[in-house]
Amino acid sequence: MDCLACGSPVTLEVGPDRPLSTSLSDAILAAEEDEHIEVTRDCWDCGWHETRALRVTSIDTTAGDETAIERAALIGEITNELGAIRSVDTLKETLAAIRRQRDTDPARTDSDDITE
């Protein structure tokens, strides 16, 4: 992408709550409904700057495994909740509870085994 003012290459950052390496397509595909995505373009040669804000108004999924989509959404929600926990003891207790649940889950198969 080139600068609209001088033609030099520009940097593109997606934020504000995403790593600098996040691509615009990854941010859009990971977005939730009504989420705002801010896109900033900067030219480090001439100082040109542009910020655009995008809002996801709806999400239509036309293909894919509904169970996999629901699972991915739940994993994202769980990850967000865990990220908000500051107590190491609480995290250890949560991990132990998850492992106990996994060990007693009748739906678990041998293919669910993961090396820990």
N, C-alpha and C. Protein backbone atom coordinates (compact mmCIF):
# COMPACT_ATOMS: atom_id res chain seq x y z
N MET A 1 0.85 -1.15 0.00
CA MET A 1 0.00 0.00 0.00
C MET A 1 0.91 1.24 0.00
N ASP A 2 0.57 2.20 -0.81
CA ASP A 2 1.40 3.40 -0.92
C ASP A 2 0.71 4.61 -0.33
N CYS A 3 1.52 5.57 0.12
CA CYS A 3 1.03 6.81 0.71
C CYS A 3 0.29 7.62 -0.34
N LEU A 4 -0.86 8.14 0.05
CA LEU A 4 -1.65 8.97 -0.86
C LEU A 4 -0.99 10.31 -1.11
N ALA A 5 -0.12 10.76 -0.19
CA ALA A 5 0.52 12.07 -0.33
C ALA A 5 1.82 12.02 -1.12
N CYS A 6 2.68 11.02 -0.83
CA CYS A 6 4.00 11.02 -1.47
C CYS A 6 4.34 9.74 -2.24
N GLY A 7 3.51 8.72 -2.12
CA GLY A 7 3.74 7.48 -2.86
C GLY A 7 4.65 6.49 -2.17
N SER A 8 5.19 6.82 -0.99
CA SER A 8 6.05 5.90 -0.24
C SER A 8 5.20 4.80 0.40
N PRO A 9 5.83 3.70 0.77
CA PRO A 9 5.08 2.64 1.47
C PRO A 9 4.54 3.13 2.82
N VAL A 10 3.39 2.62 3.20
CA VAL A 10 2.80 2.98 4.49
C VAL A 10 2.68 1.73 5.36
N THR A 11 2.62 1.96 6.66
CA THR A 11 2.35 0.86 7.58
C THR A 11 0.86 0.84 7.87
N LEU A 12 0.36 -0.33 8.14
CA LEU A 12 -1.05 -0.50 8.45
C LEU A 12 -1.12 -1.22 9.79
N GLU A 13 -1.82 -0.61 10.75
CA GLU A 13 -1.99 -1.21 12.07
C GLU A 13 -3.47 -1.37 12.36
N VAL A 14 -3.81 -2.51 12.93
CA VAL A 14 -5.19 -2.80 13.30
C VAL A 14 -5.25 -2.80 14.82
N GLY A 15 -6.18 -2.07 15.36
CA GLY A 15 -6.21 -1.98 16.83
C GLY A 15 -7.59 -1.65 17.31
N PRO A 16 -7.66 -1.14 18.49
CA PRO A 16 -6.56 -0.80 19.38
C PRO A 16 -6.14 -1.95 20.29
N ASP A 17 -6.93 -3.00 20.39
CA ASP A 17 -6.65 -4.07 21.36
C ASP A 17 -6.05 -5.30 20.72
N ARG A 18 -5.31 -5.13 19.65
CA ARG A 18 -4.74 -6.26 18.94
C ARG A 18 -3.24 -6.08 18.81
N PRO A 19 -2.50 -7.21 18.70
CA PRO A 19 -1.05 -7.10 18.50
C PRO A 19 -0.73 -6.37 17.20
N LEU A 20 0.42 -5.74 17.13
CA LEU A 20 0.81 -4.99 15.93
C LEU A 20 0.87 -5.88 14.69
N SER A 21 1.10 -7.16 14.87
CA SER A 21 1.22 -8.07 13.72
C SER A 21 -0.12 -8.52 13.16
N THR A 22 -1.24 -8.12 13.77
CA THR A 22 -2.56 -8.56 13.32
C THR A 22 -2.88 -7.98 11.94
N SER A 23 -3.28 -8.86 11.03
CA SER A 23 -3.67 -8.38 9.71
C SER A 23 -5.13 -7.93 9.76
N LEU A 24 -5.50 -7.09 8.83
CA LEU A 24 -6.88 -6.61 8.76
C LEU A 24 -7.85 -7.77 8.54
N SER A 25 -7.49 -8.70 7.67
CA SER A 25 -8.39 -9.82 7.41
C SER A 25 -8.56 -10.69 8.65
N ASP A 26 -7.48 -10.92 9.41
CA ASP A 26 -7.60 -11.70 10.64
C ASP A 26 -8.47 -10.99 11.66
N ALA A 27 -8.33 -9.68 11.77
CA ALA A 27 -9.14 -8.90 12.71
C ALA A 27 -10.61 -8.96 12.35
N ILE A 28 -10.91 -8.87 11.07
CA ILE A 28 -12.31 -8.91 10.63
C ILE A 28 -12.90 -10.29 10.87
N LEU A 29 -12.15 -11.34 10.54
CA LEU A 29 -12.67 -12.69 10.72
C LEU A 29 -12.83 -13.07 12.20
N ALA A 30 -12.06 -12.45 13.08
CA ALA A 30 -12.15 -12.74 14.51
C ALA A 30 -13.14 -11.83 15.22
N ALA A 31 -13.67 -10.84 14.54
CA ALA A 31 -14.55 -9.85 15.17
C ALA A 31 -15.90 -10.44 15.54
N GLU A 32 -16.46 -9.87 16.57
CA GLU A 32 -17.81 -10.22 17.01
C GLU A 32 -18.77 -9.18 16.44
N GLU A 33 -20.05 -9.50 16.45
CA GLU A 33 -21.05 -8.55 15.98
C GLU A 33 -21.02 -7.30 16.86
N ASP A 34 -21.16 -6.13 16.25
CA ASP A 34 -21.11 -4.81 16.89
C ASP A 34 -19.73 -4.42 17.40
N GLU A 35 -18.71 -5.17 17.03
CA GLU A 35 -17.35 -4.82 17.44
C GLU A 35 -16.80 -3.71 16.54
N HIS A 36 -16.00 -2.85 17.10
CA HIS A 36 -15.34 -1.78 16.35
C HIS A 36 -13.89 -2.18 16.09
N ILE A 37 -13.44 -1.96 14.87
CA ILE A 37 -12.06 -2.23 14.49
C ILE A 37 -11.47 -0.92 13.97
N GLU A 38 -10.35 -0.54 14.53
CA GLU A 38 -9.70 0.70 14.10
C GLU A 38 -8.50 0.34 13.23
N VAL A 39 -8.41 0.99 12.07
CA VAL A 39 -7.32 0.74 11.13
C VAL A 39 -6.57 2.05 10.93
N THR A 40 -5.27 1.99 11.17
CA THR A 40 -4.43 3.19 11.05
C THR A 40 -3.38 2.96 9.98
N ARG A 41 -3.25 3.95 9.07
CA ARG A 41 -2.20 3.92 8.06
C ARG A 41 -1.28 5.12 8.31
N ASP A 42 0.03 4.86 8.27
CA ASP A 42 1.01 5.91 8.52
C ASP A 42 2.12 5.85 7.48
N CYS A 43 2.52 7.03 7.00
CA CYS A 43 3.69 7.14 6.14
C CYS A 43 4.81 7.73 6.99
N TRP A 44 5.89 6.99 7.09
CA TRP A 44 7.00 7.45 7.93
C TRP A 44 7.93 8.38 7.16
N ASP A 45 7.69 8.56 5.84
CA ASP A 45 8.50 9.48 5.05
C ASP A 45 7.97 10.91 5.14
N CYS A 46 6.65 11.09 4.92
CA CYS A 46 6.10 12.45 4.87
C CYS A 46 5.21 12.78 6.07
N GLY A 47 4.87 11.77 6.88
CA GLY A 47 4.05 12.03 8.06
C GLY A 47 2.56 11.90 7.83
N TRP A 48 2.15 11.52 6.62
CA TRP A 48 0.72 11.36 6.34
C TRP A 48 0.16 10.29 7.28
N HIS A 49 -1.07 10.51 7.74
CA HIS A 49 -1.70 9.61 8.70
C HIS A 49 -3.19 9.53 8.41
N GLU A 50 -3.74 8.34 8.51
CA GLU A 50 -5.18 8.17 8.34
C GLU A 50 -5.65 7.09 9.32
N THR A 51 -6.76 7.35 9.98
CA THR A 51 -7.39 6.36 10.85
C THR A 51 -8.81 6.16 10.38
N ARG A 52 -9.19 4.90 10.25
CA ARG A 52 -10.56 4.56 9.88
C ARG A 52 -11.11 3.62 10.95
N ALA A 53 -12.39 3.77 11.23
CA ALA A 53 -13.05 2.90 12.19
C ALA A 53 -14.11 2.09 11.46
N LEU A 54 -14.06 0.78 11.66
CA LEU A 54 -15.03 -0.12 11.06
C LEU A 54 -15.88 -0.72 12.17
N ARG A 55 -17.15 -0.93 11.89
CA ARG A 55 -18.03 -1.58 12.85
C ARG A 55 -18.67 -2.77 12.16
N VAL A 56 -18.58 -3.92 12.80
CA VAL A 56 -19.19 -5.14 12.26
C VAL A 56 -20.66 -5.09 12.65
N THR A 57 -21.52 -4.94 11.65
CA THR A 57 -22.95 -4.82 11.94
C THR A 57 -23.66 -6.17 11.98
N SER A 58 -23.15 -7.12 11.22
CA SER A 58 -23.74 -8.46 11.27
C SER A 58 -22.71 -9.45 10.75
N ILE A 59 -22.92 -10.69 11.14
CA ILE A 59 -22.03 -11.76 10.68
C ILE A 59 -22.91 -12.85 10.10
N ASP A 60 -22.68 -13.16 8.84
CA ASP A 60 -23.40 -14.24 8.17
C ASP A 60 -22.39 -15.32 7.81
N THR A 61 -22.61 -16.51 8.29
CA THR A 61 -21.74 -17.64 7.98
C THR A 61 -22.50 -18.54 7.01
N THR A 62 -21.91 -18.75 5.85
CA THR A 62 -22.60 -19.54 4.83
C THR A 62 -22.04 -20.94 4.71
N ALA A 63 -20.88 -21.19 5.30
CA ALA A 63 -20.29 -22.52 5.20
C ALA A 63 -19.55 -22.81 6.49
N GLY A 64 -19.37 -24.08 6.75
CA GLY A 64 -18.60 -24.46 7.92
C GLY A 64 -19.41 -25.34 8.85
N ASP A 65 -18.70 -25.98 9.71
CA ASP A 65 -19.28 -26.88 10.69
C ASP A 65 -19.79 -26.05 11.86
N GLU A 66 -21.10 -26.07 12.09
CA GLU A 66 -21.69 -25.27 13.16
C GLU A 66 -21.12 -25.62 14.52
N THR A 67 -20.85 -26.89 14.75
CA THR A 67 -20.27 -27.31 16.02
C THR A 67 -18.87 -26.72 16.19
N ALA A 68 -18.08 -26.73 15.14
CA ALA A 68 -16.73 -26.17 15.20
C ALA A 68 -16.78 -24.67 15.43
N ILE A 69 -17.73 -24.00 14.81
CA ILE A 69 -17.88 -22.55 14.98
C ILE A 69 -18.28 -22.24 16.41
N GLU A 70 -19.25 -22.99 16.94
CA GLU A 70 -19.68 -22.77 18.32
C GLU A 70 -18.54 -23.07 19.29
N ARG A 71 -17.80 -24.14 19.03
CA ARG A 71 -16.66 -24.51 19.89
C ARG A 71 -15.62 -23.40 19.90
N ALA A 72 -15.29 -22.87 18.73
CA ALA A 72 -14.29 -21.80 18.63
C ALA A 72 -14.75 -20.56 19.38
N ALA A 73 -16.03 -20.23 19.28
CA ALA A 73 -16.56 -19.07 20.00
C ALA A 73 -16.48 -19.27 21.50
N LEU A 74 -16.81 -20.48 21.95
CA LEU A 74 -16.74 -20.77 23.39
C LEU A 74 -15.30 -20.75 23.90
N ILE A 75 -14.38 -21.28 23.11
CA ILE A 75 -12.97 -21.24 23.50
C ILE A 75 -12.49 -19.79 23.60
N GLY A 76 -12.90 -18.95 22.67
CA GLY A 76 -12.55 -17.53 22.73
C GLY A 76 -13.11 -16.87 23.97
N GLU A 77 -14.35 -17.19 24.31
CA GLU A 77 -14.99 -16.61 25.49
C GLU A 77 -14.28 -17.08 26.76
N ILE A 78 -13.94 -18.37 26.82
CA ILE A 78 -13.23 -18.91 27.98
C ILE A 78 -11.86 -18.26 28.11
N THR A 79 -11.16 -18.12 27.00
CA THR A 79 -9.84 -17.49 27.01
C THR A 79 -9.91 -16.06 27.53
N ASN A 80 -10.93 -15.32 27.10
CA ASN A 80 -11.10 -13.95 27.59
C ASN A 80 -11.34 -13.91 29.09
N GLU A 81 -12.17 -14.83 29.57
CA GLU A 81 -12.45 -14.90 31.01
C GLU A 81 -11.18 -15.24 31.79
N LEU A 82 -10.43 -16.22 31.30
CA LEU A 82 -9.19 -16.61 31.98
C LEU A 82 -8.18 -15.47 31.99
N GLY A 83 -8.14 -14.72 30.90
CA GLY A 83 -7.22 -13.59 30.82
C GLY A 83 -7.52 -12.50 31.85
N ALA A 84 -8.74 -12.45 32.31
CA ALA A 84 -9.14 -11.43 33.28
C ALA A 84 -8.83 -11.86 34.72
N ILE A 85 -8.52 -13.13 34.93
CA ILE A 85 -8.23 -13.63 36.28
C ILE A 85 -6.78 -13.28 36.63
N ARG A 86 -6.59 -12.61 37.74
CA ARG A 86 -5.25 -12.18 38.16
C ARG A 86 -4.64 -13.12 39.20
N SER A 87 -5.45 -13.91 39.86
CA SER A 87 -4.98 -14.79 40.92
C SER A 87 -4.44 -16.09 40.34
N VAL A 88 -3.16 -16.37 40.62
CA VAL A 88 -2.55 -17.62 40.15
C VAL A 88 -3.24 -18.81 40.78
N ASP A 89 -3.61 -18.71 42.05
CA ASP A 89 -4.31 -19.81 42.72
C ASP A 89 -5.64 -20.12 42.04
N THR A 90 -6.37 -19.08 41.67
CA THR A 90 -7.65 -19.29 40.98
C THR A 90 -7.43 -19.98 39.64
N LEU A 91 -6.39 -19.59 38.92
CA LEU A 91 -6.08 -20.23 37.64
C LEU A 91 -5.71 -21.70 37.84
N LYS A 92 -4.93 -22.00 38.89
CA LYS A 92 -4.56 -23.39 39.18
C LYS A 92 -5.80 -24.21 39.51
N GLU A 93 -6.70 -23.65 40.32
CA GLU A 93 -7.93 -24.34 40.68
C GLU A 93 -8.80 -24.58 39.44
N THR A 94 -8.86 -23.60 38.57
CA THR A 94 -9.65 -23.72 37.34
C THR A 94 -9.08 -24.81 36.45
N LEU A 95 -7.76 -24.84 36.29
CA LEU A 95 -7.12 -25.88 35.49
C LEU A 95 -7.38 -27.26 36.07
N ALA A 96 -7.28 -27.39 37.37
CA ALA A 96 -7.55 -28.68 38.02
C ALA A 96 -9.00 -29.11 37.79
N ALA A 97 -9.93 -28.17 37.88
CA ALA A 97 -11.35 -28.50 37.66
C ALA A 97 -11.58 -28.93 36.22
N ILE A 98 -10.94 -28.28 35.29
CA ILE A 98 -11.08 -28.64 33.87
C ILE A 98 -10.54 -30.04 33.64
N ARG A 99 -9.40 -30.34 34.23
CA ARG A 99 -8.81 -31.68 34.06
C ARG A 99 -9.68 -32.75 34.71
N ARG A 100 -10.26 -32.46 35.88
CA ARG A 100 -11.17 -33.42 36.52
C ARG A 100 -12.38 -33.67 35.62
N GLN A 101 -12.94 -32.60 35.07
CA GLN A 101 -14.10 -32.73 34.19
C GLN A 101 -13.76 -33.54 32.96
N ARG A 102 -12.60 -33.26 32.39
CA ARG A 102 -12.18 -33.97 31.18
C ARG A 102 -11.97 -35.46 31.46
N ASP A 103 -11.41 -35.78 32.63
CA ASP A 103 -11.18 -37.18 32.99
C ASP A 103 -12.47 -37.95 33.22
N THR A 104 -13.55 -37.27 33.61
CA THR A 104 -14.81 -37.96 33.90
C THR A 104 -15.84 -37.80 32.79
N ASP A 105 -15.48 -37.11 31.71
CA ASP A 105 -16.42 -36.86 30.61
C ASP A 105 -16.64 -38.13 29.80
N PRO A 106 -17.87 -38.66 29.80
CA PRO A 106 -18.12 -39.90 29.05
C PRO A 106 -18.02 -39.72 27.53
N ALA A 107 -18.12 -38.52 27.05
CA ALA A 107 -18.04 -38.28 25.60
C ALA A 107 -16.60 -38.25 25.11
N ARG A 108 -15.65 -38.24 26.02
CA ARG A 108 -14.24 -38.15 25.65
C ARG A 108 -13.79 -39.47 25.04
N THR A 109 -13.03 -39.38 23.96
CA THR A 109 -12.52 -40.58 23.30
C THR A 109 -11.01 -40.58 23.39
N ASP A 110 -10.39 -41.68 23.00
CA ASP A 110 -8.93 -41.77 23.03
C ASP A 110 -8.28 -40.74 22.12
N SER A 111 -9.00 -40.31 21.08
CA SER A 111 -8.43 -39.32 20.16
C SER A 111 -8.39 -37.94 20.79
N ASP A 112 -9.05 -37.76 21.95
CA ASP A 112 -9.02 -36.47 22.64
C ASP A 112 -7.76 -36.30 23.48
N ASP A 113 -6.99 -37.37 23.65
CA ASP A 113 -5.78 -37.30 24.48
C ASP A 113 -4.79 -36.34 23.86
N ILE A 114 -4.28 -35.46 24.72
CA ILE A 114 -3.30 -34.47 24.28
C ILE A 114 -2.11 -34.59 25.21
N THR A 115 -0.92 -34.58 24.67
CA THR A 115 0.27 -34.64 25.50
C THR A 115 0.39 -33.32 26.25
N GLU A 116 0.51 -33.42 27.55
CA GLU A 116 0.60 -32.22 28.37
C GLU A 116 1.98 -32.04 28.92
